[in-house]
Amino acid sequence: MTPRRAEHIAIGLMVSGAFLALAILFFIIAVIMVKGLPHITARFLLDNPMDMGRAGGIFSTIVSTIYLLVVSLVIAIPLGVGTAIYLTEYTEEGKITKIVRFGTECLAGVPSIILGLFGFILFVIKLGFGWSVLSGGISLAIMILPVIIRTSEEAIKSVPQAFRDVNEVLGGSKWQGVTRLVLPNAAPGILTGVILSVGRGIGETAVVIFTLGTSLRTPFSIFDSGRSMAVHFYILAREGISMSNAYATAAVLVFSILIINIFSYYLMHRFVEGRR
């Protein structure tokens, strides 16, 4: 077999694999939409679940999900981006950076059920937060932290060294260079990491069940328990309570992730265009 023929075969296999992945994605979305969209109404979105989810809507689960994501991102973004800045701008490659990166990779590999059990023991029981948005948000922040650290680190590394050199020549401090030159140019990559973490967090169940709980009431503070949309869908489908409401909840989840991604990428492109 000639090298050119081998190259054509390899390209064909890669293209086929890409289209197969897309086909699987569209098939899953199509099934969810076909079975879920007919059951989505204004009342379904604005009413609270009733009769364990057999009737009513998902308003309380939407509020719980939003609270959970906000708390987790408020904790994870500063820690993740701050860690990435420290690793790339304030330390040389050595034992410290290797230990931090190794720890981050290990944390990324911990099963979500283990993180849920850890959050339950530490935040729910030991610290006395109980099943609450706070317990769930902190536990979820720990889970998405590695994603934000790694993507932010790579985004900061991609900023040309010339930017830092110019800042030093002009007499700017390290912090001025980071805040005024490095971070603005790394923002699209950091935002991508945040989007990935939101997508993972919004569909998480194991961590949330152990820490947020499964209460169907609407949480009014971070110390109230609740039930996320993903957990609500899981319980409805697993126990066969209402498959129609389960598919409708799944469709709302898919729409939510899609809207978040579109809006975030729109802001990212606007930011990039505005800096040119």
Protein backbone atom coordinates (compact mmCIF):
# COMPACT_ATOMS: atom_id res chain seq x y z
CA MET A 1 0.00 0.00 0.00
CA THR A 2 1.38 3.37 -1.02
CA PRO A 3 1.72 6.16 1.59
CA ARG A 4 -0.81 8.32 -0.31
CA ARG A 5 -3.39 5.53 -0.31
CA ALA A 6 -2.82 4.91 3.40
CA GLU A 7 -3.33 8.63 4.02
CA HIS A 8 -6.63 8.63 2.11
CA ILE A 9 -7.85 5.60 4.07
CA ALA A 10 -6.88 7.24 7.40
CA ILE A 11 -8.64 10.48 6.46
CA GLY A 12 -11.73 8.53 5.39
CA LEU A 13 -11.82 6.67 8.72
CA MET A 14 -11.46 9.90 10.70
CA VAL A 15 -14.21 11.63 8.72
CA SER A 16 -16.46 8.60 9.15
CA GLY A 17 -15.80 8.60 12.89
CA ALA A 18 -16.63 12.30 13.14
CA PHE A 19 -19.91 11.88 11.26
CA LEU A 20 -20.78 8.82 13.36
CA ALA A 21 -20.27 10.81 16.57
CA LEU A 22 -22.50 13.59 15.20
CA ALA A 23 -25.12 11.07 14.13
CA ILE A 24 -25.24 9.56 17.63
CA LEU A 25 -25.56 13.02 19.16
CA PHE A 26 -28.39 14.07 16.83
CA PHE A 27 -30.16 10.74 17.35
CA ILE A 28 -30.14 11.16 21.15
CA ILE A 29 -31.35 14.76 20.89
CA ALA A 30 -34.03 13.80 18.37
CA VAL A 31 -35.42 11.03 20.61
CA ILE A 32 -35.53 13.35 23.63
CA MET A 33 -37.17 16.17 21.68
CA VAL A 34 -39.77 13.97 19.99
CA LYS A 35 -40.85 12.45 23.31
CA GLY A 36 -40.38 15.54 25.47
CA LEU A 37 -41.43 18.61 23.48
CA PRO A 38 -45.18 17.76 23.32
CA HIS A 39 -45.34 17.84 27.12
CA ILE A 40 -43.55 21.19 27.61
CA THR A 41 -46.03 23.98 28.30
CA ALA A 42 -46.00 27.23 30.23
CA ARG A 43 -47.65 25.48 33.19
CA PHE A 44 -45.04 22.74 33.09
CA LEU A 45 -42.27 25.35 33.41
CA LEU A 46 -44.00 27.54 36.02
CA ASP A 47 -45.70 24.98 38.29
CA ASN A 48 -44.02 23.02 41.05
CA PRO A 49 -43.99 19.19 40.90
CA MET A 50 -46.96 17.48 42.52
CA ASP A 51 -47.65 13.89 43.54
CA MET A 52 -43.91 13.02 43.55
CA GLY A 53 -43.57 14.37 40.01
CA ARG A 54 -46.49 12.58 38.38
CA ALA A 55 -48.25 15.91 37.93
CA GLY A 56 -47.35 19.59 37.94
CA GLY A 57 -44.22 21.07 36.47
CA ILE A 58 -40.53 21.59 37.22
CA PHE A 59 -40.30 25.18 38.45
CA SER A 60 -38.69 24.30 41.79
CA THR A 61 -36.12 22.07 40.06
CA ILE A 62 -35.20 24.90 37.67
CA VAL A 63 -34.64 27.26 40.62
CA SER A 64 -32.59 24.62 42.46
CA THR A 65 -30.43 24.02 39.38
CA ILE A 66 -29.75 27.73 38.90
CA TYR A 67 -28.88 28.21 42.58
CA LEU A 68 -26.59 25.18 42.47
CA LEU A 69 -24.70 26.36 39.37
CA VAL A 70 -24.31 29.92 40.65
CA VAL A 71 -22.89 28.79 44.00
CA SER A 72 -20.52 26.28 42.39
CA LEU A 73 -19.23 28.77 39.79
CA VAL A 74 -18.76 31.54 42.38
CA ILE A 75 -16.47 29.16 44.26
CA ALA A 76 -14.79 27.32 41.37
CA ILE A 77 -13.98 30.18 38.97
CA PRO A 78 -11.82 32.29 41.34
CA LEU A 79 -10.06 29.19 42.69
CA GLY A 80 -9.55 27.64 39.26
CA VAL A 81 -8.39 30.76 37.44
CA GLY A 82 -6.27 31.83 40.43
CA THR A 83 -4.55 28.43 40.51
CA ALA A 84 -3.91 28.62 36.76
CA ILE A 85 -2.40 32.12 37.09
CA TYR A 86 -0.15 30.95 39.92
CA LEU A 87 1.07 27.92 37.95
CA THR A 88 1.79 29.82 34.75
CA GLU A 89 2.87 33.29 35.91
CA TYR A 90 4.26 33.07 39.42
CA THR A 91 6.13 29.78 39.54
CA GLU A 92 8.82 28.09 37.52
CA GLU A 93 8.42 24.53 36.27
CA GLY A 94 9.42 22.38 39.21
CA LYS A 95 8.21 20.11 41.98
CA ILE A 96 5.45 22.44 43.15
CA THR A 97 3.84 22.78 39.74
CA LYS A 98 4.16 19.04 39.11
CA ILE A 99 2.52 18.23 42.45
CA VAL A 100 -0.36 20.67 41.82
CA ARG A 101 -0.94 19.36 38.29
CA PHE A 102 -0.78 15.77 39.50
CA GLY A 103 -3.29 16.55 42.22
CA THR A 104 -5.57 18.27 39.71
CA GLU A 105 -5.47 15.28 37.37
CA CYS A 106 -6.17 12.91 40.25
CA LEU A 107 -9.12 15.06 41.34
CA ALA A 108 -10.47 15.00 37.78
CA GLY A 109 -10.36 11.21 37.84
CA VAL A 110 -12.26 10.76 41.11
CA PRO A 111 -15.72 9.22 40.42
CA SER A 112 -18.58 11.61 41.06
CA ILE A 113 -20.19 9.17 43.50
CA ILE A 114 -17.07 9.37 45.68
CA LEU A 115 -17.17 13.18 45.60
CA GLY A 116 -20.84 12.99 46.55
CA LEU A 117 -20.06 10.76 49.51
CA PHE A 118 -17.22 13.09 50.54
CA GLY A 119 -19.54 16.11 50.34
CA PHE A 120 -22.21 14.29 52.32
CA ILE A 121 -19.82 13.37 55.13
CA LEU A 122 -18.00 16.70 55.32
CA PHE A 123 -20.53 19.39 54.42
CA VAL A 124 -23.87 17.76 55.20
CA ILE A 125 -22.91 15.98 58.44
CA LYS A 126 -19.61 17.26 59.90
CA LEU A 127 -20.03 20.97 59.12
CA GLY A 128 -23.78 20.85 59.69
CA PHE A 129 -24.86 22.45 56.41
CA GLY A 130 -27.41 19.68 55.89
CA TRP A 131 -28.86 18.84 52.50
CA SER A 132 -28.67 22.30 51.01
CA VAL A 133 -27.71 24.40 48.01
CA LEU A 134 -24.51 25.34 49.85
CA SER A 135 -23.45 21.71 50.37
CA GLY A 136 -24.29 20.85 46.79
CA GLY A 137 -22.61 23.95 45.37
CA ILE A 138 -19.32 23.38 47.22
CA SER A 139 -19.25 19.70 46.25
CA LEU A 140 -20.03 20.52 42.62
CA ALA A 141 -17.33 23.21 42.65
CA ILE A 142 -14.78 20.60 43.73
CA MET A 143 -15.87 18.38 40.84
CA ILE A 144 -15.61 21.04 38.11
CA LEU A 145 -12.48 22.69 39.53
CA PRO A 146 -10.00 20.53 37.53
CA VAL A 147 -11.72 21.44 34.25
CA ILE A 148 -11.43 25.16 34.93
CA ILE A 149 -7.82 24.88 36.12
CA ARG A 150 -6.60 22.93 33.10
CA THR A 151 -8.43 24.97 30.46
CA SER A 152 -7.46 28.27 32.10
CA GLU A 153 -3.83 27.17 32.34
CA GLU A 154 -3.70 26.27 28.65
CA ALA A 155 -5.45 29.52 27.71
CA ILE A 156 -2.94 31.60 29.69
CA LYS A 157 -0.01 29.67 28.20
CA SER A 158 -1.29 30.46 24.69
CA VAL A 159 -0.87 34.22 25.27
CA PRO A 160 2.36 35.29 23.45
CA GLN A 161 5.37 35.91 25.65
CA ALA A 162 5.86 39.23 23.85
CA PHE A 163 2.94 40.68 25.82
CA ARG A 164 4.71 39.98 29.09
CA ASP A 165 8.04 41.30 27.74
CA VAL A 166 6.45 44.59 26.66
CA ASN A 167 4.86 45.02 30.08
CA GLU A 168 8.23 44.45 31.76
CA VAL A 169 10.04 46.88 29.44
CA LEU A 170 7.45 49.58 30.16
CA GLY A 171 7.94 49.13 33.90
CA GLY A 172 4.66 47.41 34.66
CA SER A 173 4.39 45.05 37.58
CA LYS A 174 3.70 41.35 37.19
CA TRP A 175 0.15 41.84 38.46
CA GLN A 176 -0.51 44.64 35.97
CA GLY A 177 0.69 42.42 33.15
CA VAL A 178 -1.53 39.57 34.28
CA THR A 179 -4.69 41.62 34.77
CA ARG A 180 -4.34 44.02 31.81
CA LEU A 181 -2.67 41.87 29.16
CA VAL A 182 -2.66 38.15 29.92
CA LEU A 183 -6.16 37.58 31.30
CA PRO A 184 -8.01 39.69 28.68
CA ASN A 185 -6.31 37.76 25.89
CA ALA A 186 -6.85 34.41 27.61
CA ALA A 187 -10.52 35.16 28.36
CA PRO A 188 -11.98 33.15 25.41
CA GLY A 189 -10.14 30.02 26.48
CA ILE A 190 -11.10 30.51 30.13
CA LEU A 191 -14.73 31.02 29.11
CA THR A 192 -14.58 27.76 27.17
CA GLY A 193 -13.52 25.96 30.34
CA VAL A 194 -16.36 27.56 32.28
CA ILE A 195 -18.83 26.46 29.59
CA LEU A 196 -17.55 22.89 29.78
CA SER A 197 -17.85 22.90 33.56
CA VAL A 198 -21.41 24.29 33.40
CA GLY A 199 -22.36 21.57 30.95
CA ARG A 200 -20.95 18.91 33.26
CA GLY A 201 -22.44 20.42 36.40
CA ILE A 202 -25.96 20.89 35.04
CA GLY A 203 -26.23 17.20 34.20
CA GLU A 204 -24.64 15.82 37.37
CA THR A 205 -26.72 13.54 39.59
CA ALA A 206 -24.52 11.52 41.99
CA VAL A 207 -22.88 14.49 43.71
CA VAL A 208 -26.15 16.43 43.88
CA ILE A 209 -28.28 13.64 45.36
CA PHE A 210 -25.91 13.23 48.31
CA THR A 211 -25.52 16.96 49.05
CA LEU A 212 -28.45 18.98 47.69
CA GLY A 213 -31.02 16.32 48.42
CA THR A 214 -34.20 15.42 46.54
CA SER A 215 -36.71 17.81 48.09
CA LEU A 216 -39.35 19.10 45.66
CA ARG A 217 -39.77 22.42 47.46
CA THR A 218 -38.44 25.66 46.01
CA PRO A 219 -35.21 26.78 47.77
CA PHE A 220 -35.20 30.41 48.92
CA SER A 221 -31.68 30.48 50.35
CA ILE A 222 -28.43 28.57 50.02
CA PHE A 223 -29.28 26.69 53.22
CA ASP A 224 -32.44 25.14 51.77
CA SER A 225 -32.52 21.74 50.14
CA GLY A 226 -33.90 21.11 46.67
CA ARG A 227 -33.82 18.87 43.62
CA SER A 228 -31.95 19.65 40.41
CA MET A 229 -33.46 18.99 36.98
CA ALA A 230 -31.00 16.16 36.32
CA VAL A 231 -31.89 14.43 39.59
CA HIS A 232 -35.60 15.00 38.94
CA PHE A 233 -35.28 13.37 35.51
CA TYR A 234 -33.28 10.48 37.00
CA ILE A 235 -35.84 9.76 39.72
CA LEU A 236 -38.83 10.02 37.38
CA ALA A 237 -37.24 7.69 34.84
CA ARG A 238 -35.67 5.19 37.27
CA GLU A 239 -38.79 4.70 39.36
CA GLY A 240 -41.16 4.91 36.39
CA ILE A 241 -43.16 7.69 38.05
CA SER A 242 -43.88 9.58 34.82
CA MET A 243 -41.92 8.99 31.64
CA SER A 244 -43.66 11.87 29.87
CA ASN A 245 -42.52 14.33 32.55
CA ALA A 246 -39.07 12.68 32.54
CA TYR A 247 -38.63 13.24 28.81
CA ALA A 248 -39.97 16.79 29.10
CA THR A 249 -37.45 17.52 31.87
CA ALA A 250 -34.66 16.05 29.74
CA ALA A 251 -35.72 18.26 26.81
CA VAL A 252 -35.57 21.36 29.04
CA LEU A 253 -32.08 20.28 30.17
CA VAL A 254 -30.91 19.92 26.57
CA PHE A 255 -32.37 23.32 25.67
CA SER A 256 -30.71 24.90 28.71
CA ILE A 257 -27.26 23.56 27.81
CA LEU A 258 -27.75 24.59 24.17
CA ILE A 259 -28.77 28.14 25.11
CA ILE A 260 -25.86 28.49 27.56
CA ASN A 261 -23.39 27.34 24.90
CA ILE A 262 -24.79 29.60 22.17
CA PHE A 263 -24.90 32.66 24.44
CA SER A 264 -21.41 32.02 25.80
CA TYR A 265 -19.86 31.52 22.37
CA TYR A 266 -21.63 34.66 21.15
CA LEU A 267 -20.12 36.68 24.02
CA MET A 268 -16.72 35.09 23.39
CA HIS A 269 -16.72 36.00 19.69
CA ARG A 270 -17.94 39.52 20.46
CA PHE A 271 -15.10 39.88 22.94
CA VAL A 272 -12.54 38.61 20.46
CA GLU A 273 -13.83 40.87 17.69
CA GLY A 274 -13.88 43.85 20.05
CA ARG A 275 -10.18 43.42 20.88
CA ARG A 276 -9.04 43.33 17.23
